[in-house]
Amino acid sequence: MTITKADKPALILIDLQKGFDNIEYWGGQRNNPHAEINASELLELWRKINLPIFHIQHCSSNPTSLLHATHKGNQFKDSVKPRKSEEVIKKNVNSAFIGTDLKKRLDHLKIRKLVIVGLTTDHCVSTTTRMAGNFGYETYLVSDATATFNKRGTDGQYFTAELIHETALASLNEEFATIVTTKFLKEQV
């Protein structure tokens, strides 16, 4: 697979919201501390060459969630804050395609290639990537512009954020998406 500016790939930024700054709330450890920096570099590149951009905002239906619309954690992080002219799609489940018009908007613009960044690798990023692949989009997931948190298994076993991240990427690679880096995209697009 190849990706160039001529392909008019859409950048999909998933849940890059302030609520994820509370690492203790999400599990106590996070991998890839430069994910937002890399996502912002890609966002600036997409803006510079005038490619389609979609910001996905998780609006939890749980009123105690840091991502609930009434909580300041629902706001986008400053480094990736949408401009007024950029598309913002609000969701309340893991996939950016469920309960939204994302697919309709992409299809209307005749977009066939997607570049996905955001939080968290094993939840909303993974679910959206899987659906994108199933819908037939040529999907690129940026490994160093995504991140997640540590998890406890069903038997209480501790899994590091990096292990969760890497296994999520491995599950998606070559079946639902092509896993790439920020550097690769900056050289291609």
N, C-alpha and C. Protein backbone atom coordinates (compact mmCIF):
# COMPACT_ATOMS: atom_id res chain seq x y z
N MET A 1 0.84 -1.18 0.00
CA MET A 1 0.00 0.00 0.00
C MET A 1 0.88 1.24 0.00
N THR A 2 0.39 2.25 -0.70
CA THR A 2 1.09 3.53 -0.71
C THR A 2 0.10 4.63 -0.38
N ILE A 3 0.64 5.75 0.06
CA ILE A 3 -0.21 6.87 0.40
C ILE A 3 0.52 8.16 0.02
N THR A 4 -0.19 9.02 -0.71
CA THR A 4 0.38 10.29 -1.13
C THR A 4 -0.67 11.38 -0.98
N LYS A 5 -0.24 12.62 -1.15
CA LYS A 5 -1.15 13.76 -1.09
C LYS A 5 -2.26 13.61 -2.14
N ALA A 6 -1.89 13.08 -3.32
CA ALA A 6 -2.87 12.93 -4.41
C ALA A 6 -4.01 12.00 -4.03
N ASP A 7 -3.79 11.10 -3.06
CA ASP A 7 -4.85 10.19 -2.60
C ASP A 7 -5.91 10.91 -1.77
N LYS A 8 -5.61 12.13 -1.34
CA LYS A 8 -6.49 12.91 -0.46
C LYS A 8 -6.92 12.12 0.77
N PRO A 9 -5.95 11.55 1.50
CA PRO A 9 -6.31 10.78 2.70
C PRO A 9 -6.86 11.69 3.80
N ALA A 10 -7.83 11.19 4.51
CA ALA A 10 -8.39 11.94 5.63
C ALA A 10 -7.63 11.58 6.90
N LEU A 11 -7.34 12.59 7.70
CA LEU A 11 -6.74 12.39 9.02
C LEU A 11 -7.88 12.32 10.03
N ILE A 12 -7.94 11.20 10.76
CA ILE A 12 -8.97 10.99 11.78
C ILE A 12 -8.27 11.04 13.14
N LEU A 13 -8.57 12.07 13.92
CA LEU A 13 -7.96 12.25 15.25
C LEU A 13 -8.99 11.82 16.29
N ILE A 14 -8.70 10.73 16.99
CA ILE A 14 -9.69 10.13 17.89
C ILE A 14 -9.41 10.48 19.35
N ASP A 15 -10.38 11.12 19.97
CA ASP A 15 -10.43 11.31 21.43
C ASP A 15 -9.17 11.92 22.03
N LEU A 16 -8.58 12.87 21.37
CA LEU A 16 -7.40 13.55 21.94
C LEU A 16 -7.91 14.65 22.87
N GLN A 17 -8.37 14.21 24.03
CA GLN A 17 -9.08 15.06 24.97
C GLN A 17 -8.35 15.17 26.31
N LYS A 18 -8.61 16.27 27.00
CA LYS A 18 -7.90 16.58 28.24
C LYS A 18 -8.13 15.56 29.34
N GLY A 19 -9.25 14.88 29.33
CA GLY A 19 -9.54 13.89 30.35
C GLY A 19 -8.51 12.77 30.41
N PHE A 20 -7.84 12.50 29.31
CA PHE A 20 -6.81 11.46 29.29
C PHE A 20 -5.50 11.89 29.94
N ASP A 21 -5.41 13.15 30.35
CA ASP A 21 -4.21 13.61 31.06
C ASP A 21 -4.17 13.08 32.49
N ASN A 22 -5.30 12.64 33.01
CA ASN A 22 -5.37 12.08 34.36
C ASN A 22 -5.01 10.59 34.29
N ILE A 23 -3.72 10.32 34.30
CA ILE A 23 -3.22 8.96 34.09
C ILE A 23 -3.69 8.01 35.19
N GLU A 24 -3.77 8.47 36.41
CA GLU A 24 -4.23 7.62 37.51
C GLU A 24 -5.65 7.13 37.28
N TYR A 25 -6.50 7.98 36.79
CA TYR A 25 -7.90 7.63 36.52
C TYR A 25 -8.00 6.48 35.53
N TRP A 26 -7.09 6.45 34.55
CA TRP A 26 -7.17 5.47 33.47
C TRP A 26 -6.34 4.22 33.72
N GLY A 27 -5.59 4.16 34.80
CA GLY A 27 -4.87 2.92 35.08
C GLY A 27 -3.50 3.08 35.68
N GLY A 28 -3.00 4.30 35.80
CA GLY A 28 -1.75 4.52 36.52
C GLY A 28 -0.49 4.55 35.69
N GLN A 29 -0.55 4.10 34.47
CA GLN A 29 0.64 4.14 33.61
C GLN A 29 0.18 4.27 32.17
N ARG A 30 0.95 5.02 31.39
CA ARG A 30 0.63 5.20 29.98
C ARG A 30 1.89 5.02 29.14
N ASN A 31 1.75 4.53 27.94
CA ASN A 31 2.89 4.42 27.04
C ASN A 31 2.91 5.62 26.10
N ASN A 32 3.94 5.68 25.28
CA ASN A 32 4.05 6.63 24.19
C ASN A 32 3.71 8.08 24.58
N PRO A 33 4.52 8.68 25.44
CA PRO A 33 4.22 10.04 25.90
C PRO A 33 4.27 11.11 24.81
N HIS A 34 4.81 10.77 23.64
CA HIS A 34 4.90 11.74 22.54
C HIS A 34 3.77 11.58 21.52
N ALA A 35 2.77 10.79 21.83
CA ALA A 35 1.69 10.53 20.87
C ALA A 35 1.01 11.83 20.42
N GLU A 36 0.70 12.70 21.36
CA GLU A 36 0.02 13.94 21.01
C GLU A 36 0.91 14.87 20.18
N ILE A 37 2.20 14.87 20.47
CA ILE A 37 3.13 15.69 19.68
C ILE A 37 3.13 15.19 18.24
N ASN A 38 3.23 13.88 18.07
CA ASN A 38 3.21 13.31 16.72
C ASN A 38 1.88 13.57 16.03
N ALA A 39 0.79 13.44 16.75
CA ALA A 39 -0.53 13.72 16.16
C ALA A 39 -0.62 15.18 15.73
N SER A 40 -0.09 16.08 16.55
CA SER A 40 -0.15 17.51 16.19
C SER A 40 0.73 17.82 14.98
N GLU A 41 1.85 17.11 14.83
CA GLU A 41 2.69 17.30 13.64
C GLU A 41 1.94 16.87 12.38
N LEU A 42 1.24 15.75 12.48
CA LEU A 42 0.45 15.30 11.33
C LEU A 42 -0.71 16.26 11.05
N LEU A 43 -1.33 16.74 12.11
CA LEU A 43 -2.42 17.71 11.94
C LEU A 43 -1.92 18.96 11.22
N GLU A 44 -0.78 19.46 11.61
CA GLU A 44 -0.22 20.65 10.94
C GLU A 44 0.12 20.35 9.49
N LEU A 45 0.64 19.17 9.21
CA LEU A 45 0.94 18.79 7.82
C LEU A 45 -0.35 18.74 7.00
N TRP A 46 -1.40 18.11 7.54
CA TRP A 46 -2.67 18.01 6.83
C TRP A 46 -3.24 19.40 6.58
N ARG A 47 -3.12 20.30 7.56
CA ARG A 47 -3.60 21.67 7.38
C ARG A 47 -2.81 22.38 6.29
N LYS A 48 -1.51 22.21 6.32
CA LYS A 48 -0.62 22.90 5.38
C LYS A 48 -0.92 22.50 3.93
N ILE A 49 -1.20 21.21 3.70
CA ILE A 49 -1.43 20.77 2.33
C ILE A 49 -2.92 20.57 2.03
N ASN A 50 -3.75 21.07 2.93
CA ASN A 50 -5.19 21.15 2.72
C ASN A 50 -5.84 19.80 2.43
N LEU A 51 -5.58 18.85 3.33
CA LEU A 51 -6.21 17.54 3.24
C LEU A 51 -7.33 17.45 4.26
N PRO A 52 -8.29 16.54 4.07
CA PRO A 52 -9.44 16.44 4.98
C PRO A 52 -9.04 16.01 6.40
N ILE A 53 -9.69 16.65 7.37
CA ILE A 53 -9.42 16.41 8.80
C ILE A 53 -10.75 16.20 9.52
N PHE A 54 -10.78 15.15 10.36
CA PHE A 54 -11.96 14.88 11.18
C PHE A 54 -11.51 14.67 12.62
N HIS A 55 -12.01 15.51 13.52
CA HIS A 55 -11.74 15.38 14.95
C HIS A 55 -12.88 14.59 15.58
N ILE A 56 -12.55 13.52 16.26
CA ILE A 56 -13.57 12.70 16.93
C ILE A 56 -13.50 13.01 18.42
N GLN A 57 -14.66 13.31 19.00
CA GLN A 57 -14.73 13.67 20.41
C GLN A 57 -15.63 12.69 21.14
N HIS A 58 -15.05 12.01 22.14
CA HIS A 58 -15.85 11.08 22.93
C HIS A 58 -16.65 11.86 23.97
N CYS A 59 -17.94 11.71 23.94
CA CYS A 59 -18.85 12.36 24.90
C CYS A 59 -19.54 11.24 25.68
N SER A 60 -18.91 10.83 26.75
CA SER A 60 -19.40 9.71 27.53
C SER A 60 -20.82 9.96 28.03
N SER A 61 -21.62 8.91 28.05
CA SER A 61 -22.97 9.00 28.61
C SER A 61 -22.95 8.83 30.13
N ASN A 62 -21.78 8.47 30.68
CA ASN A 62 -21.62 8.33 32.13
C ASN A 62 -21.29 9.69 32.73
N PRO A 63 -22.17 10.26 33.56
CA PRO A 63 -21.94 11.61 34.08
C PRO A 63 -20.70 11.74 34.98
N THR A 64 -20.16 10.63 35.48
CA THR A 64 -18.96 10.71 36.32
C THR A 64 -17.67 10.56 35.51
N SER A 65 -17.79 10.27 34.23
CA SER A 65 -16.60 10.10 33.38
C SER A 65 -15.91 11.44 33.13
N LEU A 66 -14.59 11.39 33.06
CA LEU A 66 -13.82 12.59 32.72
C LEU A 66 -14.11 13.04 31.29
N LEU A 67 -14.71 12.19 30.48
CA LEU A 67 -15.02 12.53 29.09
C LEU A 67 -16.49 12.90 28.89
N HIS A 68 -17.23 13.05 29.97
CA HIS A 68 -18.63 13.50 29.88
C HIS A 68 -18.63 14.96 29.44
N ALA A 69 -19.62 15.36 28.67
CA ALA A 69 -19.68 16.71 28.11
C ALA A 69 -19.66 17.81 29.17
N THR A 70 -20.08 17.50 30.39
CA THR A 70 -20.11 18.52 31.45
C THR A 70 -18.76 18.66 32.16
N HIS A 71 -17.81 17.82 31.84
CA HIS A 71 -16.51 17.83 32.51
C HIS A 71 -15.47 18.50 31.61
N LYS A 72 -14.56 19.24 32.19
CA LYS A 72 -13.53 19.92 31.39
C LYS A 72 -12.63 18.92 30.65
N GLY A 73 -12.59 17.69 31.11
CA GLY A 73 -11.82 16.65 30.43
C GLY A 73 -12.37 16.30 29.06
N ASN A 74 -13.59 16.71 28.77
CA ASN A 74 -14.20 16.48 27.46
C ASN A 74 -13.57 17.35 26.37
N GLN A 75 -12.92 18.43 26.77
CA GLN A 75 -12.32 19.37 25.80
C GLN A 75 -11.13 18.74 25.09
N PHE A 76 -10.92 19.17 23.84
CA PHE A 76 -9.76 18.72 23.08
C PHE A 76 -8.48 19.28 23.70
N LYS A 77 -7.41 18.53 23.59
CA LYS A 77 -6.11 19.00 24.05
C LYS A 77 -5.69 20.19 23.18
N ASP A 78 -5.00 21.14 23.79
CA ASP A 78 -4.65 22.37 23.09
C ASP A 78 -3.82 22.14 21.83
N SER A 79 -2.93 21.16 21.85
CA SER A 79 -2.03 20.93 20.71
C SER A 79 -2.74 20.39 19.47
N VAL A 80 -3.95 19.88 19.64
CA VAL A 80 -4.70 19.32 18.52
C VAL A 80 -6.12 19.88 18.45
N LYS A 81 -6.30 21.05 19.00
CA LYS A 81 -7.62 21.66 19.04
C LYS A 81 -8.11 21.96 17.62
N PRO A 82 -9.35 21.59 17.31
CA PRO A 82 -9.88 21.84 15.97
C PRO A 82 -10.03 23.33 15.67
N ARG A 83 -9.81 23.65 14.43
CA ARG A 83 -10.14 25.00 13.95
C ARG A 83 -11.61 25.02 13.61
N LYS A 84 -12.19 26.21 13.56
CA LYS A 84 -13.64 26.33 13.29
C LYS A 84 -14.04 25.68 11.98
N SER A 85 -13.14 25.66 11.01
CA SER A 85 -13.46 25.11 9.69
C SER A 85 -13.32 23.59 9.64
N GLU A 86 -12.82 22.97 10.70
CA GLU A 86 -12.57 21.53 10.69
C GLU A 86 -13.74 20.76 11.28
N GLU A 87 -13.96 19.58 10.73
CA GLU A 87 -15.07 18.72 11.13
C GLU A 87 -14.85 18.17 12.54
N VAL A 88 -15.89 18.25 13.38
CA VAL A 88 -15.89 17.62 14.70
C VAL A 88 -17.07 16.66 14.74
N ILE A 89 -16.77 15.42 15.08
CA ILE A 89 -17.81 14.40 15.17
C ILE A 89 -17.84 13.88 16.60
N LYS A 90 -19.01 13.98 17.23
CA LYS A 90 -19.17 13.53 18.61
C LYS A 90 -19.72 12.12 18.63
N LYS A 91 -19.15 11.30 19.50
CA LYS A 91 -19.59 9.92 19.64
C LYS A 91 -19.73 9.60 21.13
N ASN A 92 -20.45 8.52 21.44
CA ASN A 92 -20.54 8.09 22.84
C ASN A 92 -20.30 6.60 23.00
N VAL A 93 -19.77 5.96 21.94
CA VAL A 93 -19.35 4.57 22.00
C VAL A 93 -17.94 4.49 21.45
N ASN A 94 -17.37 3.28 21.40
CA ASN A 94 -15.97 3.13 21.01
C ASN A 94 -15.69 3.46 19.56
N SER A 95 -16.59 3.18 18.66
CA SER A 95 -16.34 3.42 17.24
C SER A 95 -16.82 4.79 16.80
N ALA A 96 -15.97 5.47 16.03
CA ALA A 96 -16.35 6.77 15.46
C ALA A 96 -17.38 6.62 14.35
N PHE A 97 -17.68 5.38 13.94
CA PHE A 97 -18.66 5.14 12.89
C PHE A 97 -20.06 4.86 13.42
N ILE A 98 -20.18 4.48 14.68
CA ILE A 98 -21.49 4.10 15.23
C ILE A 98 -22.18 5.31 15.85
N GLY A 99 -23.40 5.56 15.40
CA GLY A 99 -24.18 6.68 15.92
C GLY A 99 -23.72 8.03 15.41
N THR A 100 -22.89 8.04 14.35
CA THR A 100 -22.40 9.28 13.76
C THR A 100 -22.60 9.24 12.24
N ASP A 101 -22.29 10.33 11.60
CA ASP A 101 -22.36 10.37 10.14
C ASP A 101 -20.97 10.38 9.51
N LEU A 102 -19.96 9.85 10.22
CA LEU A 102 -18.60 9.85 9.70
C LEU A 102 -18.52 9.15 8.34
N LYS A 103 -19.07 7.96 8.22
CA LYS A 103 -19.00 7.24 6.95
C LYS A 103 -19.67 8.03 5.83
N LYS A 104 -20.80 8.60 6.11
CA LYS A 104 -21.52 9.40 5.11
C LYS A 104 -20.66 10.58 4.65
N ARG A 105 -20.01 11.24 5.58
CA ARG A 105 -19.15 12.39 5.23
C ARG A 105 -17.95 11.94 4.40
N LEU A 106 -17.31 10.85 4.79
CA LEU A 106 -16.17 10.34 4.04
C LEU A 106 -16.58 9.95 2.63
N ASP A 107 -17.69 9.24 2.52
CA ASP A 107 -18.15 8.78 1.21
C ASP A 107 -18.57 9.95 0.33
N HIS A 108 -19.19 10.95 0.93
CA HIS A 108 -19.60 12.15 0.17
C HIS A 108 -18.38 12.84 -0.45
N LEU A 109 -17.26 12.84 0.29
CA LEU A 109 -16.02 13.46 -0.21
C LEU A 109 -15.20 12.50 -1.06
N LYS A 110 -15.72 11.28 -1.26
CA LYS A 110 -15.04 10.24 -2.05
C LYS A 110 -13.66 9.89 -1.47
N ILE A 111 -13.58 9.89 -0.15
CA ILE A 111 -12.34 9.54 0.53
C ILE A 111 -12.26 8.02 0.66
N ARG A 112 -11.15 7.45 0.26
CA ARG A 112 -10.94 6.00 0.33
C ARG A 112 -9.78 5.62 1.25
N LYS A 113 -8.95 6.61 1.61
CA LYS A 113 -7.80 6.33 2.48
C LYS A 113 -7.92 7.14 3.76
N LEU A 114 -7.67 6.45 4.88
CA LEU A 114 -7.76 7.08 6.19
C LEU A 114 -6.45 6.92 6.93
N VAL A 115 -6.09 7.96 7.68
CA VAL A 115 -4.94 7.91 8.59
C VAL A 115 -5.51 8.16 9.98
N ILE A 116 -5.28 7.21 10.89
CA ILE A 116 -5.89 7.27 12.22
C ILE A 116 -4.82 7.47 13.29
N VAL A 117 -5.09 8.44 14.19
CA VAL A 117 -4.26 8.71 15.36
C VAL A 117 -5.19 8.88 16.55
N GLY A 118 -4.64 8.81 17.77
CA GLY A 118 -5.47 9.15 18.92
C GLY A 118 -5.36 8.21 20.11
N LEU A 119 -6.38 8.29 20.95
CA LEU A 119 -6.44 7.57 22.21
C LEU A 119 -7.75 6.80 22.30
N THR A 120 -7.74 5.65 22.87
CA THR A 120 -6.63 4.81 23.25
C THR A 120 -6.50 3.68 22.24
N THR A 121 -5.29 3.18 22.11
CA THR A 121 -4.97 2.21 21.06
C THR A 121 -5.90 1.01 21.09
N ASP A 122 -6.16 0.48 22.27
CA ASP A 122 -6.93 -0.77 22.39
C ASP A 122 -8.44 -0.56 22.52
N HIS A 123 -8.89 0.66 22.56
CA HIS A 123 -10.33 0.90 22.67
C HIS A 123 -10.86 1.60 21.42
N CYS A 124 -11.03 2.90 21.50
CA CYS A 124 -11.67 3.63 20.40
C CYS A 124 -10.84 3.64 19.12
N VAL A 125 -9.53 3.69 19.24
CA VAL A 125 -8.68 3.64 18.05
C VAL A 125 -8.84 2.28 17.37
N SER A 126 -8.74 1.22 18.14
CA SER A 126 -8.87 -0.13 17.59
C SER A 126 -10.25 -0.36 16.98
N THR A 127 -11.29 0.01 17.69
CA THR A 127 -12.65 -0.24 17.21
C THR A 127 -12.92 0.53 15.92
N THR A 128 -12.51 1.78 15.89
CA THR A 128 -12.70 2.59 14.68
C THR A 128 -11.88 2.03 13.53
N THR A 129 -10.65 1.62 13.80
CA THR A 129 -9.78 1.05 12.76
C THR A 129 -10.38 -0.22 12.19
N ARG A 130 -10.89 -1.08 13.06
CA ARG A 130 -11.50 -2.32 12.60
C ARG A 130 -12.70 -2.04 11.68
N MET A 131 -13.53 -1.11 12.09
CA MET A 131 -14.70 -0.79 11.26
C MET A 131 -14.28 -0.14 9.95
N ALA A 132 -13.26 0.71 9.98
CA ALA A 132 -12.77 1.34 8.75
C ALA A 132 -12.31 0.27 7.76
N GLY A 133 -11.56 -0.70 8.26
CA GLY A 133 -11.11 -1.80 7.42
C GLY A 133 -12.27 -2.61 6.89
N ASN A 134 -13.25 -2.88 7.73
CA ASN A 134 -14.41 -3.65 7.31
C ASN A 134 -15.26 -2.90 6.28
N PHE A 135 -15.28 -1.57 6.37
CA PHE A 135 -16.00 -0.76 5.38
C PHE A 135 -15.24 -0.65 4.06
N GLY A 136 -14.00 -1.15 4.04
CA GLY A 136 -13.24 -1.13 2.80
C GLY A 136 -12.32 0.06 2.61
N TYR A 137 -12.18 0.90 3.62
CA TYR A 137 -11.23 2.01 3.52
C TYR A 137 -9.81 1.46 3.61
N GLU A 138 -8.91 2.03 2.85
CA GLU A 138 -7.49 1.71 2.99
C GLU A 138 -7.02 2.52 4.19
N THR A 139 -6.73 1.84 5.26
CA THR A 139 -6.53 2.47 6.56
C THR A 139 -5.08 2.36 7.02
N TYR A 140 -4.57 3.48 7.50
CA TYR A 140 -3.22 3.57 8.05
C TYR A 140 -3.34 4.00 9.50
N LEU A 141 -2.79 3.20 10.39
CA LEU A 141 -2.81 3.52 11.82
C LEU A 141 -1.40 3.92 12.23
N VAL A 142 -1.27 5.07 12.87
CA VAL A 142 0.04 5.63 13.20
C VAL A 142 0.44 5.18 14.61
N SER A 143 1.39 4.26 14.67
CA SER A 143 1.77 3.62 15.93
C SER A 143 2.32 4.59 16.97
N ASP A 144 3.05 5.61 16.54
CA ASP A 144 3.64 6.54 17.50
C ASP A 144 2.79 7.79 17.72
N ALA A 145 1.58 7.79 17.18
CA ALA A 145 0.63 8.88 17.43
C ALA A 145 -0.63 8.31 18.08
N THR A 146 -0.46 7.16 18.74
CA THR A 146 -1.51 6.52 19.53
C THR A 146 -0.88 6.08 20.85
N ALA A 147 -1.71 5.88 21.83
CA ALA A 147 -1.21 5.45 23.15
C ALA A 147 -2.35 4.82 23.93
N THR A 148 -1.96 4.13 25.02
CA THR A 148 -2.96 3.54 25.90
C THR A 148 -2.44 3.48 27.33
N PHE A 149 -3.17 2.81 28.17
CA PHE A 149 -2.87 2.73 29.60
C PHE A 149 -2.73 1.27 30.02
N ASN A 150 -2.12 1.05 31.18
CA ASN A 150 -1.98 -0.32 31.67
C ASN A 150 -3.34 -0.91 32.01
N LYS A 151 -3.39 -2.23 32.07
CA LYS A 151 -4.64 -2.93 32.35
C LYS A 151 -4.39 -4.09 33.30
N ARG A 152 -5.45 -4.49 33.98
CA ARG A 152 -5.45 -5.70 34.80
C ARG A 152 -6.29 -6.74 34.07
N GLY A 153 -5.75 -7.95 34.00
CA GLY A 153 -6.47 -9.05 33.37
C GLY A 153 -7.58 -9.57 34.26
N THR A 154 -8.34 -10.52 33.75
CA THR A 154 -9.47 -11.07 34.50
C THR A 154 -9.03 -11.81 35.76
N ASP A 155 -7.78 -12.27 35.76
CA ASP A 155 -7.26 -12.95 36.96
C ASP A 155 -6.41 -12.02 37.82
N GLY A 156 -6.45 -10.72 37.53
CA GLY A 156 -5.70 -9.74 38.30
C GLY A 156 -4.28 -9.50 37.80
N GLN A 157 -3.88 -10.23 36.77
CA GLN A 157 -2.53 -10.06 36.22
C GLN A 157 -2.38 -8.66 35.64
N TYR A 158 -1.20 -8.08 35.86
CA TYR A 158 -0.89 -6.73 35.40
C TYR A 158 -0.30 -6.77 33.99
N PHE A 159 -0.84 -5.96 33.08
CA PHE A 159 -0.32 -5.83 31.73
C PHE A 159 0.10 -4.38 31.51
N THR A 160 1.34 -4.18 31.08
CA THR A 160 1.84 -2.82 30.89
C THR A 160 1.14 -2.15 29.70
N ALA A 161 1.12 -0.83 29.73
CA ALA A 161 0.54 -0.06 28.64
C ALA A 161 1.23 -0.37 27.32
N GLU A 162 2.55 -0.53 27.37
CA GLU A 162 3.28 -0.82 26.13
C GLU A 162 2.88 -2.18 25.56
N LEU A 163 2.70 -3.17 26.42
CA LEU A 163 2.26 -4.49 25.95
C LEU A 163 0.85 -4.41 25.35
N ILE A 164 -0.04 -3.72 26.01
CA ILE A 164 -1.41 -3.55 25.50
C ILE A 164 -1.37 -2.85 24.14
N HIS A 165 -0.56 -1.79 24.04
CA HIS A 165 -0.41 -1.03 22.79
C HIS A 165 0.10 -1.93 21.67
N GLU A 166 1.18 -2.65 21.94
CA GLU A 166 1.80 -3.48 20.91
C GLU A 166 0.89 -4.64 20.47
N THR A 167 0.18 -5.24 21.41
CA THR A 167 -0.71 -6.34 21.02
C THR A 167 -1.92 -5.80 20.24
N ALA A 168 -2.40 -4.62 20.59
CA ALA A 168 -3.50 -4.02 19.82
C ALA A 168 -3.05 -3.75 18.39
N LEU A 169 -1.84 -3.20 18.23
CA LEU A 169 -1.32 -2.93 16.89
C LEU A 169 -1.14 -4.24 16.11
N ALA A 170 -0.61 -5.25 16.78
CA ALA A 170 -0.39 -6.54 16.12
C ALA A 170 -1.71 -7.15 15.65
N SER A 171 -2.77 -6.97 16.42
CA SER A 171 -4.08 -7.51 16.05
C SER A 171 -4.68 -6.81 14.83
N LEU A 172 -4.31 -5.55 14.64
CA LEU A 172 -4.86 -4.76 13.54
C LEU A 172 -4.02 -4.86 12.26
N ASN A 173 -2.73 -5.07 12.43
CA ASN A 173 -1.79 -5.00 11.32
C ASN A 173 -2.10 -6.02 10.23
N GLU A 174 -2.13 -5.53 9.00
CA GLU A 174 -2.30 -6.32 7.79
C GLU A 174 -3.66 -6.99 7.65
N GLU A 175 -4.53 -6.80 8.62
CA GLU A 175 -5.90 -7.30 8.46
C GLU A 175 -6.88 -6.14 8.36
N PHE A 176 -6.75 -5.17 9.24
CA PHE A 176 -7.63 -4.02 9.24
C PHE A 176 -6.92 -2.74 8.80
N ALA A 177 -5.60 -2.71 8.94
CA ALA A 177 -4.85 -1.48 8.65
C ALA A 177 -3.39 -1.80 8.38
N THR A 178 -2.72 -0.81 7.83
CA THR A 178 -1.27 -0.83 7.72
C THR A 178 -0.73 0.03 8.85
N ILE A 179 0.15 -0.52 9.66
CA ILE A 179 0.71 0.22 10.79
C ILE A 179 1.92 1.00 10.27
N VAL A 180 1.90 2.32 10.51
CA VAL A 180 2.97 3.20 10.04
C VAL A 180 3.41 4.12 11.18
N THR A 181 4.44 4.91 10.91
CA THR A 181 4.92 5.90 11.88
C THR A 181 4.68 7.31 11.35
N THR A 182 4.81 8.26 12.24
CA THR A 182 4.70 9.67 11.85
C THR A 182 5.75 10.01 10.80
N LYS A 183 6.97 9.56 11.02
CA LYS A 183 8.05 9.84 10.07
C LYS A 183 7.72 9.31 8.68
N PHE A 184 7.21 8.09 8.61
CA PHE A 184 6.84 7.52 7.31
C PHE A 184 5.83 8.41 6.60
N LEU A 185 4.80 8.83 7.30
CA LEU A 185 3.76 9.66 6.67
C LEU A 185 4.31 11.00 6.23
N LYS A 186 5.15 11.61 7.05
CA LYS A 186 5.70 12.90 6.69
C LYS A 186 6.57 12.81 5.44
N GLU A 187 7.17 11.66 5.20
CA GLU A 187 7.99 11.45 4.00
C GLU A 187 7.13 11.11 2.79
N GLN A 188 5.95 10.55 2.99
CA GLN A 188 5.11 10.09 1.88
C GLN A 188 4.12 11.14 1.39
N VAL A 189 3.49 11.81 2.32
CA VAL A 189 2.38 12.71 1.98
C VAL A 189 2.88 14.07 1.53
